[in-house]
Amino acid sequence: MKNEKRTTTDAVEILHHLYIKDDPKRIASLEAEEIKSKIAQHIYDLRESAGLTQKQLSQKIGTTAKIIDNLEITDYEDNEIGDAILMLQRIAKALDKQIEFRIVPLRVAPTKAPPQPQPVMS
């Protein structure tokens, strides 16, 4: 039985294999970007559902449209995630919403079983 290489066309899996691997700093950076992305999506969704422009929202909470734009496109440093969460809280409050944080079990994606070798028929 020859050593079969597992191949994939999953872009995320390929990029993870090429750039992340088991590097703790890169894994932490990826996790921070995922958090920033979720914050950005919440801010955008809240603003859109309220029918506000970035400028209108910024005036409502006492900041600038540029800050809202930066938050929506995750254009800030990882060490400012706490500030982004506080800004999300201000936005939610201004739109008569509240933030609720929960800790839930991990959703573990099912692993793809490696292809099983097929018996050779002679």
N, C-alpha and C. Protein backbone atom coordinates (compact mmCIF):
# COMPACT_ATOMS: atom_id res chain seq x y z
N MET A 1 0.84 -1.17 0.00
CA MET A 1 0.00 0.00 0.00
C MET A 1 0.89 1.23 0.00
N LYS A 2 0.73 2.05 -1.02
CA LYS A 2 1.57 3.24 -1.09
C LYS A 2 1.01 4.35 -0.22
N ASN A 3 1.87 5.27 0.16
CA ASN A 3 1.48 6.39 1.01
C ASN A 3 0.68 7.39 0.18
N GLU A 4 -0.63 7.48 0.45
CA GLU A 4 -1.50 8.38 -0.29
C GLU A 4 -1.54 9.73 0.40
N LYS A 5 -1.36 10.80 -0.39
CA LYS A 5 -1.48 12.14 0.15
C LYS A 5 -2.93 12.57 0.07
N ARG A 6 -3.37 13.18 1.12
CA ARG A 6 -4.73 13.71 1.15
C ARG A 6 -4.72 15.06 0.46
N THR A 7 -5.61 15.28 -0.46
CA THR A 7 -5.68 16.56 -1.15
C THR A 7 -7.00 17.23 -0.81
N THR A 8 -7.03 18.54 -0.96
CA THR A 8 -8.24 19.29 -0.69
C THR A 8 -8.34 20.47 -1.66
N THR A 9 -9.54 20.92 -1.87
CA THR A 9 -9.77 22.14 -2.65
C THR A 9 -10.35 23.22 -1.76
N ASP A 10 -10.43 22.96 -0.45
CA ASP A 10 -10.96 23.92 0.51
C ASP A 10 -9.92 25.02 0.73
N ALA A 11 -10.23 26.23 0.25
CA ALA A 11 -9.28 27.34 0.30
C ALA A 11 -8.85 27.66 1.73
N VAL A 12 -9.80 27.65 2.66
CA VAL A 12 -9.46 27.96 4.05
C VAL A 12 -8.49 26.93 4.60
N GLU A 13 -8.74 25.68 4.30
CA GLU A 13 -7.85 24.61 4.78
C GLU A 13 -6.46 24.75 4.16
N ILE A 14 -6.41 25.09 2.89
CA ILE A 14 -5.12 25.27 2.21
C ILE A 14 -4.35 26.43 2.84
N LEU A 15 -5.03 27.57 3.02
CA LEU A 15 -4.37 28.74 3.62
C LEU A 15 -3.92 28.45 5.04
N HIS A 16 -4.77 27.74 5.79
CA HIS A 16 -4.39 27.39 7.16
C HIS A 16 -3.13 26.53 7.15
N HIS A 17 -3.08 25.57 6.28
CA HIS A 17 -1.91 24.69 6.18
C HIS A 17 -0.66 25.47 5.78
N LEU A 18 -0.81 26.40 4.85
CA LEU A 18 0.34 27.15 4.36
C LEU A 18 0.85 28.21 5.33
N TYR A 19 -0.08 28.89 6.02
CA TYR A 19 0.33 30.06 6.78
C TYR A 19 0.13 29.97 8.29
N ILE A 20 -0.82 29.22 8.76
CA ILE A 20 -1.10 29.18 10.19
C ILE A 20 -0.38 28.03 10.86
N LYS A 21 -0.59 26.83 10.35
CA LYS A 21 -0.05 25.59 10.90
C LYS A 21 -0.32 25.53 12.40
N ASP A 22 0.70 25.33 13.19
CA ASP A 22 0.53 25.27 14.64
C ASP A 22 1.24 26.43 15.33
N ASP A 23 1.39 27.55 14.64
CA ASP A 23 2.08 28.73 15.18
C ASP A 23 1.13 29.46 16.14
N PRO A 24 1.42 29.47 17.44
CA PRO A 24 0.52 30.08 18.43
C PRO A 24 0.23 31.56 18.15
N LYS A 25 1.23 32.30 17.68
CA LYS A 25 1.01 33.73 17.39
C LYS A 25 0.04 33.91 16.23
N ARG A 26 0.19 33.08 15.22
CA ARG A 26 -0.70 33.19 14.06
C ARG A 26 -2.11 32.71 14.42
N ILE A 27 -2.21 31.70 15.24
CA ILE A 27 -3.52 31.23 15.69
C ILE A 27 -4.22 32.32 16.50
N ALA A 28 -3.49 32.97 17.40
CA ALA A 28 -4.06 34.06 18.20
C ALA A 28 -4.49 35.22 17.31
N SER A 29 -3.69 35.53 16.31
CA SER A 29 -4.03 36.61 15.39
C SER A 29 -5.30 36.27 14.60
N LEU A 30 -5.41 35.05 14.16
CA LEU A 30 -6.60 34.61 13.43
C LEU A 30 -7.83 34.71 14.33
N GLU A 31 -7.71 34.28 15.57
CA GLU A 31 -8.82 34.36 16.50
C GLU A 31 -9.24 35.80 16.75
N ALA A 32 -8.26 36.70 16.87
CA ALA A 32 -8.56 38.13 17.06
C ALA A 32 -9.30 38.68 15.85
N GLU A 33 -8.89 38.29 14.67
CA GLU A 33 -9.56 38.76 13.45
C GLU A 33 -11.00 38.25 13.38
N GLU A 34 -11.23 37.03 13.85
CA GLU A 34 -12.59 36.50 13.87
C GLU A 34 -13.47 37.30 14.81
N ILE A 35 -12.94 37.68 15.97
CA ILE A 35 -13.69 38.50 16.93
C ILE A 35 -13.99 39.86 16.32
N LYS A 36 -12.98 40.47 15.70
CA LYS A 36 -13.17 41.77 15.07
C LYS A 36 -14.22 41.70 13.97
N SER A 37 -14.20 40.62 13.23
CA SER A 37 -15.18 40.45 12.15
C SER A 37 -16.60 40.36 12.70
N LYS A 38 -16.78 39.66 13.80
CA LYS A 38 -18.10 39.54 14.41
C LYS A 38 -18.57 40.89 14.94
N ILE A 39 -17.67 41.63 15.57
CA ILE A 39 -18.03 42.97 16.07
C ILE A 39 -18.44 43.86 14.90
N ALA A 40 -17.65 43.83 13.83
CA ALA A 40 -17.95 44.63 12.64
C ALA A 40 -19.32 44.29 12.07
N GLN A 41 -19.61 43.01 11.99
CA GLN A 41 -20.91 42.60 11.43
C GLN A 41 -22.06 43.06 12.31
N HIS A 42 -21.89 42.98 13.63
CA HIS A 42 -22.94 43.44 14.54
C HIS A 42 -23.17 44.94 14.38
N ILE A 43 -22.10 45.71 14.31
CA ILE A 43 -22.24 47.16 14.16
C ILE A 43 -22.95 47.49 12.85
N TYR A 44 -22.50 46.86 11.77
CA TYR A 44 -23.13 47.09 10.47
C TYR A 44 -24.61 46.72 10.50
N ASP A 45 -24.92 45.54 11.03
CA ASP A 45 -26.31 45.08 11.07
C ASP A 45 -27.19 46.02 11.90
N LEU A 46 -26.68 46.45 13.06
CA LEU A 46 -27.45 47.37 13.90
C LEU A 46 -27.71 48.69 13.17
N ARG A 47 -26.68 49.21 12.54
CA ARG A 47 -26.81 50.49 11.82
C ARG A 47 -27.79 50.36 10.67
N GLU A 48 -27.65 49.30 9.89
CA GLU A 48 -28.54 49.09 8.74
C GLU A 48 -29.99 48.89 9.19
N SER A 49 -30.19 48.09 10.23
CA SER A 49 -31.56 47.83 10.68
C SER A 49 -32.21 49.09 11.24
N ALA A 50 -31.41 50.03 11.72
CA ALA A 50 -31.93 51.31 12.21
C ALA A 50 -32.10 52.31 11.06
N GLY A 51 -31.64 51.94 9.87
CA GLY A 51 -31.77 52.82 8.71
C GLY A 51 -30.88 54.06 8.80
N LEU A 52 -29.72 53.91 9.42
CA LEU A 52 -28.82 55.04 9.62
C LEU A 52 -27.59 54.95 8.73
N THR A 53 -27.08 56.10 8.34
CA THR A 53 -25.78 56.15 7.68
C THR A 53 -24.72 56.11 8.77
N GLN A 54 -23.47 55.92 8.36
CA GLN A 54 -22.38 55.94 9.34
C GLN A 54 -22.33 57.30 10.04
N LYS A 55 -22.54 58.37 9.29
CA LYS A 55 -22.51 59.71 9.87
C LYS A 55 -23.64 59.90 10.88
N GLN A 56 -24.84 59.45 10.52
CA GLN A 56 -25.98 59.59 11.44
C GLN A 56 -25.75 58.81 12.73
N LEU A 57 -25.23 57.60 12.59
CA LEU A 57 -24.95 56.78 13.77
C LEU A 57 -23.88 57.44 14.62
N SER A 58 -22.83 57.93 13.99
CA SER A 58 -21.75 58.56 14.75
C SER A 58 -22.25 59.77 15.53
N GLN A 59 -23.13 60.54 14.93
CA GLN A 59 -23.68 61.71 15.64
C GLN A 59 -24.56 61.27 16.81
N LYS A 60 -25.27 60.19 16.62
CA LYS A 60 -26.16 59.68 17.67
C LYS A 60 -25.39 59.22 18.91
N ILE A 61 -24.17 58.71 18.71
CA ILE A 61 -23.40 58.20 19.86
C ILE A 61 -22.21 59.08 20.23
N GLY A 62 -22.03 60.18 19.51
CA GLY A 62 -20.98 61.13 19.88
C GLY A 62 -19.58 60.71 19.46
N THR A 63 -19.45 60.24 18.24
CA THR A 63 -18.14 59.90 17.71
C THR A 63 -18.09 60.39 16.26
N THR A 64 -17.14 59.89 15.49
CA THR A 64 -17.03 60.33 14.10
C THR A 64 -17.44 59.19 13.16
N ALA A 65 -17.83 59.57 11.95
CA ALA A 65 -18.19 58.57 10.94
C ALA A 65 -16.97 57.70 10.62
N LYS A 66 -15.78 58.27 10.70
CA LYS A 66 -14.56 57.51 10.41
C LYS A 66 -14.39 56.37 11.42
N ILE A 67 -14.71 56.63 12.68
CA ILE A 67 -14.62 55.58 13.70
C ILE A 67 -15.59 54.45 13.37
N ILE A 68 -16.82 54.80 12.99
CA ILE A 68 -17.80 53.78 12.63
C ILE A 68 -17.30 53.00 11.42
N ASP A 69 -16.79 53.70 10.42
CA ASP A 69 -16.26 53.04 9.23
C ASP A 69 -15.12 52.09 9.60
N ASN A 70 -14.19 52.55 10.42
CA ASN A 70 -13.07 51.70 10.83
C ASN A 70 -13.55 50.45 11.56
N LEU A 71 -14.56 50.60 12.39
CA LEU A 71 -15.10 49.45 13.11
C LEU A 71 -15.77 48.47 12.15
N GLU A 72 -16.47 49.00 11.16
CA GLU A 72 -17.18 48.13 10.23
C GLU A 72 -16.25 47.40 9.27
N ILE A 73 -15.06 47.93 9.06
CA ILE A 73 -14.11 47.24 8.18
C ILE A 73 -12.94 46.66 8.97
N THR A 74 -13.08 46.59 10.27
CA THR A 74 -12.08 46.03 11.20
C THR A 74 -10.70 46.68 11.04
N ASP A 75 -10.70 47.98 10.82
CA ASP A 75 -9.44 48.70 10.64
C ASP A 75 -8.97 49.29 11.98
N TYR A 76 -8.57 48.41 12.87
CA TYR A 76 -7.99 48.82 14.14
C TYR A 76 -7.13 47.68 14.66
N GLU A 77 -6.29 48.00 15.60
CA GLU A 77 -5.32 47.03 16.12
C GLU A 77 -6.00 46.01 17.05
N ASP A 78 -5.41 44.84 17.13
CA ASP A 78 -5.96 43.78 17.98
C ASP A 78 -6.10 44.23 19.44
N ASN A 79 -5.17 45.04 19.89
CA ASN A 79 -5.22 45.47 21.30
C ASN A 79 -6.35 46.48 21.54
N GLU A 80 -7.09 46.86 20.50
CA GLU A 80 -8.21 47.78 20.65
C GLU A 80 -9.56 47.05 20.59
N ILE A 81 -9.53 45.73 20.67
CA ILE A 81 -10.79 44.97 20.63
C ILE A 81 -11.70 45.39 21.79
N GLY A 82 -11.13 45.60 22.95
CA GLY A 82 -11.93 46.05 24.10
C GLY A 82 -12.62 47.37 23.82
N ASP A 83 -11.91 48.30 23.17
CA ASP A 83 -12.52 49.58 22.81
C ASP A 83 -13.65 49.38 21.80
N ALA A 84 -13.46 48.45 20.88
CA ALA A 84 -14.50 48.16 19.88
C ALA A 84 -15.74 47.59 20.56
N ILE A 85 -15.54 46.73 21.55
CA ILE A 85 -16.68 46.18 22.28
C ILE A 85 -17.41 47.28 23.04
N LEU A 86 -16.66 48.19 23.63
CA LEU A 86 -17.30 49.31 24.33
C LEU A 86 -18.07 50.19 23.36
N MET A 87 -17.54 50.40 22.17
CA MET A 87 -18.24 51.19 21.16
C MET A 87 -19.50 50.46 20.71
N LEU A 88 -19.41 49.14 20.54
CA LEU A 88 -20.58 48.35 20.19
C LEU A 88 -21.66 48.50 21.27
N GLN A 89 -21.24 48.53 22.52
CA GLN A 89 -22.19 48.72 23.62
C GLN A 89 -22.86 50.09 23.52
N ARG A 90 -22.09 51.12 23.22
CA ARG A 90 -22.67 52.47 23.06
C ARG A 90 -23.67 52.50 21.91
N ILE A 91 -23.32 51.84 20.81
CA ILE A 91 -24.21 51.80 19.64
C ILE A 91 -25.50 51.07 20.00
N ALA A 92 -25.35 49.92 20.63
CA ALA A 92 -26.53 49.14 21.01
C ALA A 92 -27.45 49.96 21.92
N LYS A 93 -26.88 50.61 22.90
CA LYS A 93 -27.68 51.41 23.83
C LYS A 93 -28.40 52.54 23.11
N ALA A 94 -27.69 53.21 22.20
CA ALA A 94 -28.30 54.32 21.45
C ALA A 94 -29.45 53.85 20.57
N LEU A 95 -29.43 52.58 20.20
CA LEU A 95 -30.47 52.02 19.33
C LEU A 95 -31.45 51.15 20.13
N ASP A 96 -31.50 51.40 21.44
CA ASP A 96 -32.40 50.68 22.35
C ASP A 96 -32.19 49.17 22.31
N LYS A 97 -30.94 48.77 22.31
CA LYS A 97 -30.56 47.36 22.33
C LYS A 97 -29.59 47.16 23.49
N GLN A 98 -29.31 45.93 23.79
CA GLN A 98 -28.28 45.62 24.78
C GLN A 98 -27.41 44.48 24.27
N ILE A 99 -26.21 44.45 24.73
CA ILE A 99 -25.28 43.38 24.38
C ILE A 99 -25.43 42.28 25.41
N GLU A 100 -25.41 41.06 24.94
CA GLU A 100 -25.47 39.92 25.83
C GLU A 100 -24.33 38.98 25.47
N PHE A 101 -23.46 38.74 26.41
CA PHE A 101 -22.34 37.83 26.17
C PHE A 101 -22.68 36.47 26.76
N ARG A 102 -22.38 35.43 26.01
CA ARG A 102 -22.63 34.08 26.48
C ARG A 102 -21.41 33.23 26.18
N ILE A 103 -21.22 32.25 26.98
CA ILE A 103 -20.20 31.24 26.70
C ILE A 103 -20.95 29.96 26.40
N VAL A 104 -20.69 29.43 25.22
CA VAL A 104 -21.41 28.25 24.76
C VAL A 104 -20.40 27.17 24.36
N PRO A 105 -20.85 25.93 24.30
CA PRO A 105 -19.93 24.87 23.87
C PRO A 105 -19.40 25.13 22.47
N LEU A 106 -18.19 24.68 22.23
CA LEU A 106 -17.61 24.81 20.90
C LEU A 106 -18.42 24.03 19.90
N ARG A 107 -18.55 24.60 18.74
CA ARG A 107 -19.17 23.87 17.63
C ARG A 107 -18.04 23.27 16.83
N VAL A 108 -17.81 22.02 17.06
CA VAL A 108 -16.71 21.35 16.38
C VAL A 108 -17.22 20.83 15.05
N ALA A 109 -16.58 21.29 14.00
CA ALA A 109 -16.97 20.83 12.66
C ALA A 109 -16.57 19.37 12.52
N PRO A 110 -17.41 18.60 11.89
CA PRO A 110 -17.03 17.19 11.70
C PRO A 110 -15.76 17.11 10.86
N THR A 111 -14.89 16.26 11.28
CA THR A 111 -13.64 16.11 10.52
C THR A 111 -13.91 15.27 9.29
N LYS A 112 -13.21 15.63 8.25
CA LYS A 112 -13.34 14.86 7.02
C LYS A 112 -12.48 13.62 7.16
N ALA A 113 -13.10 12.48 7.02
CA ALA A 113 -12.37 11.23 7.10
C ALA A 113 -11.48 11.10 5.87
N PRO A 114 -10.23 10.69 6.06
CA PRO A 114 -9.37 10.51 4.90
C PRO A 114 -9.94 9.43 4.01
N PRO A 115 -9.73 9.57 2.70
CA PRO A 115 -10.28 8.55 1.81
C PRO A 115 -9.71 7.18 2.13
N GLN A 116 -10.59 6.20 2.11
CA GLN A 116 -10.19 4.84 2.41
C GLN A 116 -9.66 4.19 1.13
N PRO A 117 -8.55 3.47 1.24
CA PRO A 117 -8.03 2.79 0.05
C PRO A 117 -9.04 1.75 -0.43
N GLN A 118 -9.18 1.68 -1.71
CA GLN A 118 -10.10 0.71 -2.31
C GLN A 118 -9.35 -0.58 -2.57
N PRO A 119 -10.02 -1.71 -2.33
CA PRO A 119 -9.33 -3.00 -2.59
C PRO A 119 -9.05 -3.15 -4.08
N VAL A 120 -7.92 -3.71 -4.35
CA VAL A 120 -7.52 -3.93 -5.73
C VAL A 120 -8.08 -5.28 -6.16
N MET A 121 -8.81 -5.26 -7.28
CA MET A 121 -9.38 -6.49 -7.80
C MET A 121 -8.46 -7.03 -8.88
N SER A 122 -8.11 -8.30 -8.81
CA SER A 122 -7.25 -8.88 -9.83
C SER A 122 -8.00 -9.76 -10.76
